[in-house]
Each structure stands twice: as structure tokens, then as C-alpha cells.
Amino acid sequence: FPWARSVVVAALSYKPATEEAQPA
């Protein structure tokens, strides 16, 4: 991208609100 002058970086959380037990 030879025309690029700035790189904008955005972050979006995906952490679950709760953690369920892992059944057998």
C-alpha cells in the first residue's frame, strides 16, 4: 500500500463474561 501514511489499530475484547465448568 504505497499510499499509506498512517496505520490505525483497534482492539475488541472477546473475553467471556462467565466460564462454564467443563463436563466429562
mmCIF file of all heavy atoms, coordinates in Angstrom:
data_MODEL
# 
_entry.id   MODEL 
# 
loop_
_atom_site.group_PDB 
_atom_site.id 
_atom_site.type_symbol 
_atom_site.label_atom_id 
_atom_site.label_alt_id 
_atom_site.label_comp_id 
_atom_site.label_asym_id 
_atom_site.label_entity_id 
_atom_site.label_seq_id 
_atom_site.pdbx_PDB_ins_code 
_atom_site.Cartn_x 
_atom_site.Cartn_y 
_atom_site.Cartn_z 
_atom_site.occupancy 
_atom_site.B_iso_or_equiv 
_atom_site.pdbx_formal_charge 
_atom_site.auth_seq_id 
_atom_site.auth_comp_id 
_atom_site.auth_asym_id 
_atom_site.auth_atom_id 
_atom_site.pdbx_PDB_model_num 
ATOM 1   N N   . PHE A 1 1  ? 0.849   -1.192  0.000  1.00 0.00 ? 1  PHE A N   1 
ATOM 2   C CA  . PHE A 1 1  ? 0.000   0.000   0.000  1.00 0.00 ? 1  PHE A CA  1 
ATOM 3   C C   . PHE A 1 1  ? 0.885   1.241   0.000  1.00 0.00 ? 1  PHE A C   1 
ATOM 4   O O   . PHE A 1 1  ? 1.079   1.886   1.036  1.00 0.00 ? 1  PHE A O   1 
ATOM 5   C CB  . PHE A 1 1  ? -0.917  -0.007  1.229  1.00 0.00 ? 1  PHE A CB  1 
ATOM 6   C CG  . PHE A 1 1  ? -1.773  -1.240  1.342  1.00 0.00 ? 1  PHE A CG  1 
ATOM 7   C CD1 . PHE A 1 1  ? -1.348  -2.336  2.082  1.00 0.00 ? 1  PHE A CD1 1 
ATOM 8   C CD2 . PHE A 1 1  ? -2.997  -1.315  0.689  1.00 0.00 ? 1  PHE A CD2 1 
ATOM 9   C CE1 . PHE A 1 1  ? -2.126  -3.481  2.185  1.00 0.00 ? 1  PHE A CE1 1 
ATOM 10  C CE2 . PHE A 1 1  ? -3.789  -2.453  0.781  1.00 0.00 ? 1  PHE A CE2 1 
ATOM 11  C CZ  . PHE A 1 1  ? -3.349  -3.534  1.535  1.00 0.00 ? 1  PHE A CZ  1 
ATOM 12  N N   . PRO A 1 2  ? 1.452   1.581   -1.167 1.00 0.00 ? 2  PRO A N   1 
ATOM 13  C CA  . PRO A 1 2  ? 2.410   2.692   -1.234 1.00 0.00 ? 2  PRO A CA  1 
ATOM 14  C C   . PRO A 1 2  ? 1.829   4.042   -0.824 1.00 0.00 ? 2  PRO A C   1 
ATOM 15  O O   . PRO A 1 2  ? 2.575   4.954   -0.481 1.00 0.00 ? 2  PRO A O   1 
ATOM 16  C CB  . PRO A 1 2  ? 2.856   2.685   -2.703 1.00 0.00 ? 2  PRO A CB  1 
ATOM 17  C CG  . PRO A 1 2  ? 1.792   1.951   -3.437 1.00 0.00 ? 2  PRO A CG  1 
ATOM 18  C CD  . PRO A 1 2  ? 1.275   0.929   -2.480 1.00 0.00 ? 2  PRO A CD  1 
ATOM 19  N N   . TRP A 1 3  ? 0.506   4.165   -0.859 1.00 0.00 ? 3  TRP A N   1 
ATOM 20  C CA  . TRP A 1 3  ? -0.140  5.425   -0.482 1.00 0.00 ? 3  TRP A CA  1 
ATOM 21  C C   . TRP A 1 3  ? -0.350  5.563   1.026  1.00 0.00 ? 3  TRP A C   1 
ATOM 22  O O   . TRP A 1 3  ? -0.723  6.636   1.516  1.00 0.00 ? 3  TRP A O   1 
ATOM 23  C CB  . TRP A 1 3  ? -1.494  5.551   -1.185 1.00 0.00 ? 3  TRP A CB  1 
ATOM 24  C CG  . TRP A 1 3  ? -2.325  4.296   -1.112 1.00 0.00 ? 3  TRP A CG  1 
ATOM 25  C CD1 . TRP A 1 3  ? -2.453  3.351   -2.067 1.00 0.00 ? 3  TRP A CD1 1 
ATOM 26  C CD2 . TRP A 1 3  ? -3.136  3.857   -0.008 1.00 0.00 ? 3  TRP A CD2 1 
ATOM 27  N NE1 . TRP A 1 3  ? -3.294  2.333   -1.661 1.00 0.00 ? 3  TRP A NE1 1 
ATOM 28  C CE2 . TRP A 1 3  ? -3.730  2.632   -0.391 1.00 0.00 ? 3  TRP A CE2 1 
ATOM 29  C CE3 . TRP A 1 3  ? -3.426  4.370   1.247  1.00 0.00 ? 3  TRP A CE3 1 
ATOM 30  C CZ2 . TRP A 1 3  ? -4.588  1.917   0.446  1.00 0.00 ? 3  TRP A CZ2 1 
ATOM 31  C CZ3 . TRP A 1 3  ? -4.281  3.658   2.096  1.00 0.00 ? 3  TRP A CZ3 1 
ATOM 32  C CH2 . TRP A 1 3  ? -4.843  2.446   1.690  1.00 0.00 ? 3  TRP A CH2 1 
ATOM 33  N N   . ALA A 1 4  ? -0.128  4.484   1.789  1.00 0.00 ? 4  ALA A N   1 
ATOM 34  C CA  . ALA A 1 4  ? -0.405  4.506   3.231  1.00 0.00 ? 4  ALA A CA  1 
ATOM 35  C C   . ALA A 1 4  ? 0.552   5.437   3.968  1.00 0.00 ? 4  ALA A C   1 
ATOM 36  O O   . ALA A 1 4  ? 1.766   5.400   3.758  1.00 0.00 ? 4  ALA A O   1 
ATOM 37  C CB  . ALA A 1 4  ? -0.305  3.095   3.796  1.00 0.00 ? 4  ALA A CB  1 
ATOM 38  N N   . ARG A 1 5  ? -0.009  6.259   4.838  1.00 0.00 ? 5  ARG A N   1 
ATOM 39  C CA  . ARG A 1 5  ? 0.790   7.154   5.667  1.00 0.00 ? 5  ARG A CA  1 
ATOM 40  C C   . ARG A 1 5  ? 0.584   6.886   7.161  1.00 0.00 ? 5  ARG A C   1 
ATOM 41  O O   . ARG A 1 5  ? 1.461   7.185   7.967  1.00 0.00 ? 5  ARG A O   1 
ATOM 42  C CB  . ARG A 1 5  ? 0.431   8.619   5.365  1.00 0.00 ? 5  ARG A CB  1 
ATOM 43  C CG  . ARG A 1 5  ? 0.781   9.041   3.935  1.00 0.00 ? 5  ARG A CG  1 
ATOM 44  C CD  . ARG A 1 5  ? 2.273   9.021   3.701  1.00 0.00 ? 5  ARG A CD  1 
ATOM 45  N NE  . ARG A 1 5  ? 2.610   9.369   2.313  1.00 0.00 ? 5  ARG A NE  1 
ATOM 46  C CZ  . ARG A 1 5  ? 2.757   8.478   1.340  1.00 0.00 ? 5  ARG A CZ  1 
ATOM 47  N NH1 . ARG A 1 5  ? 2.587   7.172   1.583  1.00 0.00 ? 5  ARG A NH1 1 
ATOM 48  N NH2 . ARG A 1 5  ? 3.065   8.859   0.126  1.00 0.00 ? 5  ARG A NH2 1 
ATOM 49  N N   . SER A 1 6  ? -0.575  6.342   7.510  1.00 0.00 ? 6  SER A N   1 
ATOM 50  C CA  . SER A 1 6  ? -0.869  6.045   8.914  1.00 0.00 ? 6  SER A CA  1 
ATOM 51  C C   . SER A 1 6  ? -1.483  4.657   9.040  1.00 0.00 ? 6  SER A C   1 
ATOM 52  O O   . SER A 1 6  ? -2.203  4.203   8.147  1.00 0.00 ? 6  SER A O   1 
ATOM 53  C CB  . SER A 1 6  ? -1.835  7.080   9.506  1.00 0.00 ? 6  SER A CB  1 
ATOM 54  O OG  . SER A 1 6  ? -1.305  8.382   9.427  1.00 0.00 ? 6  SER A OG  1 
ATOM 55  N N   . VAL A 1 7  ? -1.192  3.997   10.161 1.00 0.00 ? 7  VAL A N   1 
ATOM 56  C CA  . VAL A 1 7  ? -1.752  2.684   10.473 1.00 0.00 ? 7  VAL A CA  1 
ATOM 57  C C   . VAL A 1 7  ? -2.599  2.830   11.736 1.00 0.00 ? 7  VAL A C   1 
ATOM 58  O O   . VAL A 1 7  ? -2.079  3.171   12.803 1.00 0.00 ? 7  VAL A O   1 
ATOM 59  C CB  . VAL A 1 7  ? -0.648  1.635   10.712 1.00 0.00 ? 7  VAL A CB  1 
ATOM 60  C CG1 . VAL A 1 7  ? -1.266  0.271   11.014 1.00 0.00 ? 7  VAL A CG1 1 
ATOM 61  C CG2 . VAL A 1 7  ? 0.277   1.551   9.498  1.00 0.00 ? 7  VAL A CG2 1 
ATOM 62  N N   . VAL A 1 8  ? -3.882  2.612   11.587 1.00 0.00 ? 8  VAL A N   1 
ATOM 63  C CA  . VAL A 1 8  ? -4.807  2.697   12.719 1.00 0.00 ? 8  VAL A CA  1 
ATOM 64  C C   . VAL A 1 8  ? -5.072  1.281   13.218 1.00 0.00 ? 8  VAL A C   1 
ATOM 65  O O   . VAL A 1 8  ? -5.442  0.397   12.434 1.00 0.00 ? 8  VAL A O   1 
ATOM 66  C CB  . VAL A 1 8  ? -6.142  3.357   12.298 1.00 0.00 ? 8  VAL A CB  1 
ATOM 67  C CG1 . VAL A 1 8  ? -7.093  3.428   13.490 1.00 0.00 ? 8  VAL A CG1 1 
ATOM 68  C CG2 . VAL A 1 8  ? -5.887  4.742   11.718 1.00 0.00 ? 8  VAL A CG2 1 
ATOM 69  N N   . VAL A 1 9  ? -4.867  1.049   14.499 1.00 0.00 ? 9  VAL A N   1 
ATOM 70  C CA  . VAL A 1 9  ? -5.071  -0.277  15.092 1.00 0.00 ? 9  VAL A CA  1 
ATOM 71  C C   . VAL A 1 9  ? -6.175  -0.195  16.136 1.00 0.00 ? 9  VAL A C   1 
ATOM 72  O O   . VAL A 1 9  ? -6.151  0.679   17.005 1.00 0.00 ? 9  VAL A O   1 
ATOM 73  C CB  . VAL A 1 9  ? -3.781  -0.810  15.743 1.00 0.00 ? 9  VAL A CB  1 
ATOM 74  C CG1 . VAL A 1 9  ? -4.012  -2.220  16.298 1.00 0.00 ? 9  VAL A CG1 1 
ATOM 75  C CG2 . VAL A 1 9  ? -2.631  -0.815  14.736 1.00 0.00 ? 9  VAL A CG2 1 
ATOM 76  N N   . ALA A 1 10 ? -7.143  -1.100  16.047 1.00 0.00 ? 10 ALA A N   1 
ATOM 77  C CA  . ALA A 1 10 ? -8.253  -1.128  17.001 1.00 0.00 ? 10 ALA A CA  1 
ATOM 78  C C   . ALA A 1 10 ? -8.355  -2.506  17.642 1.00 0.00 ? 10 ALA A C   1 
ATOM 79  O O   . ALA A 1 10 ? -8.108  -3.523  16.988 1.00 0.00 ? 10 ALA A O   1 
ATOM 80  C CB  . ALA A 1 10 ? -9.561  -0.775  16.294 1.00 0.00 ? 10 ALA A CB  1 
ATOM 81  N N   . ALA A 1 11 ? -8.711  -2.537  18.924 1.00 0.00 ? 11 ALA A N   1 
ATOM 82  C CA  . ALA A 1 11 ? -8.806  -3.788  19.677 1.00 0.00 ? 11 ALA A CA  1 
ATOM 83  C C   . ALA A 1 11 ? -10.228 -3.988  20.187 1.00 0.00 ? 11 ALA A C   1 
ATOM 84  O O   . ALA A 1 11 ? -10.870 -3.044  20.660 1.00 0.00 ? 11 ALA A O   1 
ATOM 85  C CB  . ALA A 1 11 ? -7.832  -3.776  20.850 1.00 0.00 ? 11 ALA A CB  1 
ATOM 86  N N   . LEU A 1 12 ? -10.700 -5.232  20.088 1.00 0.00 ? 12 LEU A N   1 
ATOM 87  C CA  . LEU A 1 12 ? -12.046 -5.583  20.534 1.00 0.00 ? 12 LEU A CA  1 
ATOM 88  C C   . LEU A 1 12 ? -11.972 -6.833  21.414 1.00 0.00 ? 12 LEU A C   1 
ATOM 89  O O   . LEU A 1 12 ? -11.525 -7.889  20.966 1.00 0.00 ? 12 LEU A O   1 
ATOM 90  C CB  . LEU A 1 12 ? -12.947 -5.848  19.325 1.00 0.00 ? 12 LEU A CB  1 
ATOM 91  C CG  . LEU A 1 12 ? -14.438 -6.047  19.589 1.00 0.00 ? 12 LEU A CG  1 
ATOM 92  C CD1 . LEU A 1 12 ? -15.051 -4.754  20.128 1.00 0.00 ? 12 LEU A CD1 1 
ATOM 93  C CD2 . LEU A 1 12 ? -15.157 -6.463  18.304 1.00 0.00 ? 12 LEU A CD2 1 
ATOM 94  N N   . SER A 1 13 ? -12.393 -6.697  22.660 1.00 0.00 ? 13 SER A N   1 
ATOM 95  C CA  . SER A 1 13 ? -12.311 -7.812  23.610 1.00 0.00 ? 13 SER A CA  1 
ATOM 96  C C   . SER A 1 13 ? -13.280 -8.935  23.253 1.00 0.00 ? 13 SER A C   1 
ATOM 97  O O   . SER A 1 13 ? -14.389 -8.694  22.789 1.00 0.00 ? 13 SER A O   1 
ATOM 98  C CB  . SER A 1 13 ? -12.638 -7.310  25.022 1.00 0.00 ? 13 SER A CB  1 
ATOM 99  O OG  . SER A 1 13 ? -12.792 -8.392  25.928 1.00 0.00 ? 13 SER A OG  1 
ATOM 100 N N   . TYR A 1 14 ? -12.827 -10.168 23.487 1.00 0.00 ? 14 TYR A N   1 
ATOM 101 C CA  . TYR A 1 14 ? -13.711 -11.328 23.299 1.00 0.00 ? 14 TYR A CA  1 
ATOM 102 C C   . TYR A 1 14 ? -13.799 -12.176 24.571 1.00 0.00 ? 14 TYR A C   1 
ATOM 103 O O   . TYR A 1 14 ? -14.347 -13.280 24.553 1.00 0.00 ? 14 TYR A O   1 
ATOM 104 C CB  . TYR A 1 14 ? -13.245 -12.197 22.127 1.00 0.00 ? 14 TYR A CB  1 
ATOM 105 C CG  . TYR A 1 14 ? -11.849 -12.789 22.266 1.00 0.00 ? 14 TYR A CG  1 
ATOM 106 C CD1 . TYR A 1 14 ? -11.615 -13.900 23.078 1.00 0.00 ? 14 TYR A CD1 1 
ATOM 107 C CD2 . TYR A 1 14 ? -10.770 -12.245 21.581 1.00 0.00 ? 14 TYR A CD2 1 
ATOM 108 C CE1 . TYR A 1 14 ? -10.342 -14.451 23.201 1.00 0.00 ? 14 TYR A CE1 1 
ATOM 109 C CE2 . TYR A 1 14 ? -9.497  -12.790 21.694 1.00 0.00 ? 14 TYR A CE2 1 
ATOM 110 C CZ  . TYR A 1 14 ? -9.284  -13.885 22.503 1.00 0.00 ? 14 TYR A CZ  1 
ATOM 111 O OH  . TYR A 1 14 ? -8.036  -14.431 22.622 1.00 0.00 ? 14 TYR A OH  1 
ATOM 112 N N   . LYS A 1 15 ? -13.301 -11.655 25.680 1.00 0.00 ? 15 LYS A N   1 
ATOM 113 C CA  . LYS A 1 15 ? -13.293 -12.450 26.917 1.00 0.00 ? 15 LYS A CA  1 
ATOM 114 C C   . LYS A 1 15 ? -14.717 -12.774 27.367 1.00 0.00 ? 15 LYS A C   1 
ATOM 115 O O   . LYS A 1 15 ? -15.560 -11.883 27.480 1.00 0.00 ? 15 LYS A O   1 
ATOM 116 C CB  . LYS A 1 15 ? -12.567 -11.709 28.024 1.00 0.00 ? 15 LYS A CB  1 
ATOM 117 C CG  . LYS A 1 15 ? -12.451 -12.534 29.302 1.00 0.00 ? 15 LYS A CG  1 
ATOM 118 C CD  . LYS A 1 15 ? -11.741 -11.781 30.412 1.00 0.00 ? 15 LYS A CD  1 
ATOM 119 C CE  . LYS A 1 15 ? -11.640 -12.659 31.666 1.00 0.00 ? 15 LYS A CE  1 
ATOM 120 N NZ  . LYS A 1 15 ? -11.015 -11.940 32.789 1.00 0.00 ? 15 LYS A NZ  1 
ATOM 121 N N   . PRO A 1 16 ? -15.027 -14.054 27.636 1.00 0.00 ? 16 PRO A N   1 
ATOM 122 C CA  . PRO A 1 16 ? -16.379 -14.419 28.076 1.00 0.00 ? 16 PRO A CA  1 
ATOM 123 C C   . PRO A 1 16 ? -16.731 -13.787 29.419 1.00 0.00 ? 16 PRO A C   1 
ATOM 124 O O   . PRO A 1 16 ? -15.856 -13.552 30.260 1.00 0.00 ? 16 PRO A O   1 
ATOM 125 C CB  . PRO A 1 16 ? -16.304 -15.950 28.198 1.00 0.00 ? 16 PRO A CB  1 
ATOM 126 C CG  . PRO A 1 16 ? -15.117 -16.352 27.393 1.00 0.00 ? 16 PRO A CG  1 
ATOM 127 C CD  . PRO A 1 16 ? -14.147 -15.221 27.505 1.00 0.00 ? 16 PRO A CD  1 
ATOM 128 N N   . ALA A 1 17 ? -18.015 -13.521 29.605 1.00 0.00 ? 17 ALA A N   1 
ATOM 129 C CA  . ALA A 1 17 ? -18.477 -12.946 30.863 1.00 0.00 ? 17 ALA A CA  1 
ATOM 130 C C   . ALA A 1 17 ? -18.396 -13.969 31.991 1.00 0.00 ? 17 ALA A C   1 
ATOM 131 O O   . ALA A 1 17 ? -18.128 -13.634 33.149 1.00 0.00 ? 17 ALA A O   1 
ATOM 132 C CB  . ALA A 1 17 ? -19.907 -12.439 30.720 1.00 0.00 ? 17 ALA A CB  1 
ATOM 133 N N   . THR A 1 18 ? -18.614 -15.232 31.661 1.00 0.00 ? 18 THR A N   1 
ATOM 134 C CA  . THR A 1 18 ? -18.544 -16.315 32.645 1.00 0.00 ? 18 THR A CA  1 
ATOM 135 C C   . THR A 1 18 ? -17.783 -17.488 32.054 1.00 0.00 ? 18 THR A C   1 
ATOM 136 O O   . THR A 1 18 ? -17.694 -17.628 30.837 1.00 0.00 ? 18 THR A O   1 
ATOM 137 C CB  . THR A 1 18 ? -19.953 -16.789 33.061 1.00 0.00 ? 18 THR A CB  1 
ATOM 138 O OG1 . THR A 1 18 ? -20.664 -17.246 31.894 1.00 0.00 ? 18 THR A OG1 1 
ATOM 139 C CG2 . THR A 1 18 ? -20.730 -15.666 33.721 1.00 0.00 ? 18 THR A CG2 1 
ATOM 140 N N   . GLU A 1 19 ? -17.271 -18.321 32.922 1.00 0.00 ? 19 GLU A N   1 
ATOM 141 C CA  . GLU A 1 19 ? -16.566 -19.533 32.500 1.00 0.00 ? 19 GLU A CA  1 
ATOM 142 C C   . GLU A 1 19 ? -17.343 -20.743 33.013 1.00 0.00 ? 19 GLU A C   1 
ATOM 143 O O   . GLU A 1 19 ? -17.518 -20.910 34.221 1.00 0.00 ? 19 GLU A O   1 
ATOM 144 C CB  . GLU A 1 19 ? -15.141 -19.547 33.049 1.00 0.00 ? 19 GLU A CB  1 
ATOM 145 C CG  . GLU A 1 19 ? -14.234 -18.489 32.451 1.00 0.00 ? 19 GLU A CG  1 
ATOM 146 C CD  . GLU A 1 19 ? -13.897 -18.729 30.990 1.00 0.00 ? 19 GLU A CD  1 
ATOM 147 O OE1 . GLU A 1 19 ? -14.144 -19.846 30.504 1.00 0.00 ? 19 GLU A OE1 1 
ATOM 148 O OE2 . GLU A 1 19 ? -13.406 -17.800 30.338 1.00 0.00 ? 19 GLU A OE2 1 
ATOM 149 N N   . GLU A 1 20 ? -17.819 -21.538 32.088 1.00 0.00 ? 20 GLU A N   1 
ATOM 150 C CA  . GLU A 1 20 ? -18.594 -22.720 32.457 1.00 0.00 ? 20 GLU A CA  1 
ATOM 151 C C   . GLU A 1 20 ? -17.672 -23.885 32.806 1.00 0.00 ? 20 GLU A C   1 
ATOM 152 O O   . GLU A 1 20 ? -16.556 -23.994 32.288 1.00 0.00 ? 20 GLU A O   1 
ATOM 153 C CB  . GLU A 1 20 ? -19.525 -23.130 31.304 1.00 0.00 ? 20 GLU A CB  1 
ATOM 154 C CG  . GLU A 1 20 ? -20.467 -22.026 30.858 1.00 0.00 ? 20 GLU A CG  1 
ATOM 155 C CD  . GLU A 1 20 ? -21.454 -21.617 31.930 1.00 0.00 ? 20 GLU A CD  1 
ATOM 156 O OE1 . GLU A 1 20 ? -21.772 -22.472 32.789 1.00 0.00 ? 20 GLU A OE1 1 
ATOM 157 O OE2 . GLU A 1 20 ? -21.889 -20.457 31.915 1.00 0.00 ? 20 GLU A OE2 1 
ATOM 158 N N   . ALA A 1 21 ? -18.153 -24.767 33.676 1.00 0.00 ? 21 ALA A N   1 
ATOM 159 C CA  . ALA A 1 21 ? -17.404 -25.973 34.017 1.00 0.00 ? 21 ALA A CA  1 
ATOM 160 C C   . ALA A 1 21 ? -17.318 -26.866 32.791 1.00 0.00 ? 21 ALA A C   1 
ATOM 161 O O   . ALA A 1 21 ? -18.223 -26.873 31.941 1.00 0.00 ? 21 ALA A O   1 
ATOM 162 C CB  . ALA A 1 21 ? -18.093 -26.710 35.166 1.00 0.00 ? 21 ALA A CB  1 
ATOM 163 N N   . GLN A 1 22 ? -16.241 -27.603 32.682 1.00 0.00 ? 22 GLN A N   1 
ATOM 164 C CA  . GLN A 1 22 ? -16.032 -28.478 31.527 1.00 0.00 ? 22 GLN A CA  1 
ATOM 165 C C   . GLN A 1 22 ? -16.479 -29.895 31.884 1.00 0.00 ? 22 GLN A C   1 
ATOM 166 O O   . GLN A 1 22 ? -15.780 -30.620 32.594 1.00 0.00 ? 22 GLN A O   1 
ATOM 167 C CB  . GLN A 1 22 ? -14.552 -28.475 31.142 1.00 0.00 ? 22 GLN A CB  1 
ATOM 168 C CG  . GLN A 1 22 ? -14.272 -28.882 29.717 1.00 0.00 ? 22 GLN A CG  1 
ATOM 169 C CD  . GLN A 1 22 ? -14.690 -27.809 28.725 1.00 0.00 ? 22 GLN A CD  1 
ATOM 170 O OE1 . GLN A 1 22 ? -14.680 -26.632 29.044 1.00 0.00 ? 22 GLN A OE1 1 
ATOM 171 N NE2 . GLN A 1 22 ? -15.077 -28.230 27.541 1.00 0.00 ? 22 GLN A NE2 1 
ATOM 172 N N   . PRO A 1 23 ? -17.647 -30.335 31.415 1.00 0.00 ? 23 PRO A N   1 
ATOM 173 C CA  . PRO A 1 23 ? -18.141 -31.675 31.750 1.00 0.00 ? 23 PRO A CA  1 
ATOM 174 C C   . PRO A 1 23 ? -17.266 -32.774 31.147 1.00 0.00 ? 23 PRO A C   1 
ATOM 175 O O   . PRO A 1 23 ? -16.557 -32.552 30.161 1.00 0.00 ? 23 PRO A O   1 
ATOM 176 C CB  . PRO A 1 23 ? -19.545 -31.705 31.128 1.00 0.00 ? 23 PRO A CB  1 
ATOM 177 C CG  . PRO A 1 23 ? -19.892 -30.269 30.871 1.00 0.00 ? 23 PRO A CG  1 
ATOM 178 C CD  . PRO A 1 23 ? -18.594 -29.600 30.583 1.00 0.00 ? 23 PRO A CD  1 
ATOM 179 N N   . ALA A 1 24 ? -17.341 -33.945 31.729 1.00 0.00 ? 24 ALA A N   1 
ATOM 180 C CA  . ALA A 1 24 ? -16.602 -35.091 31.193 1.00 0.00 ? 24 ALA A CA  1 
ATOM 181 C C   . ALA A 1 24 ? -17.098 -35.392 29.781 1.00 0.00 ? 24 ALA A C   1 
ATOM 182 O O   . ALA A 1 24 ? -18.275 -35.230 29.465 1.00 0.00 ? 24 ALA A O   1 
ATOM 183 C CB  . ALA A 1 24 ? -16.809 -36.309 32.089 1.00 0.00 ? 24 ALA A CB  1 
# 
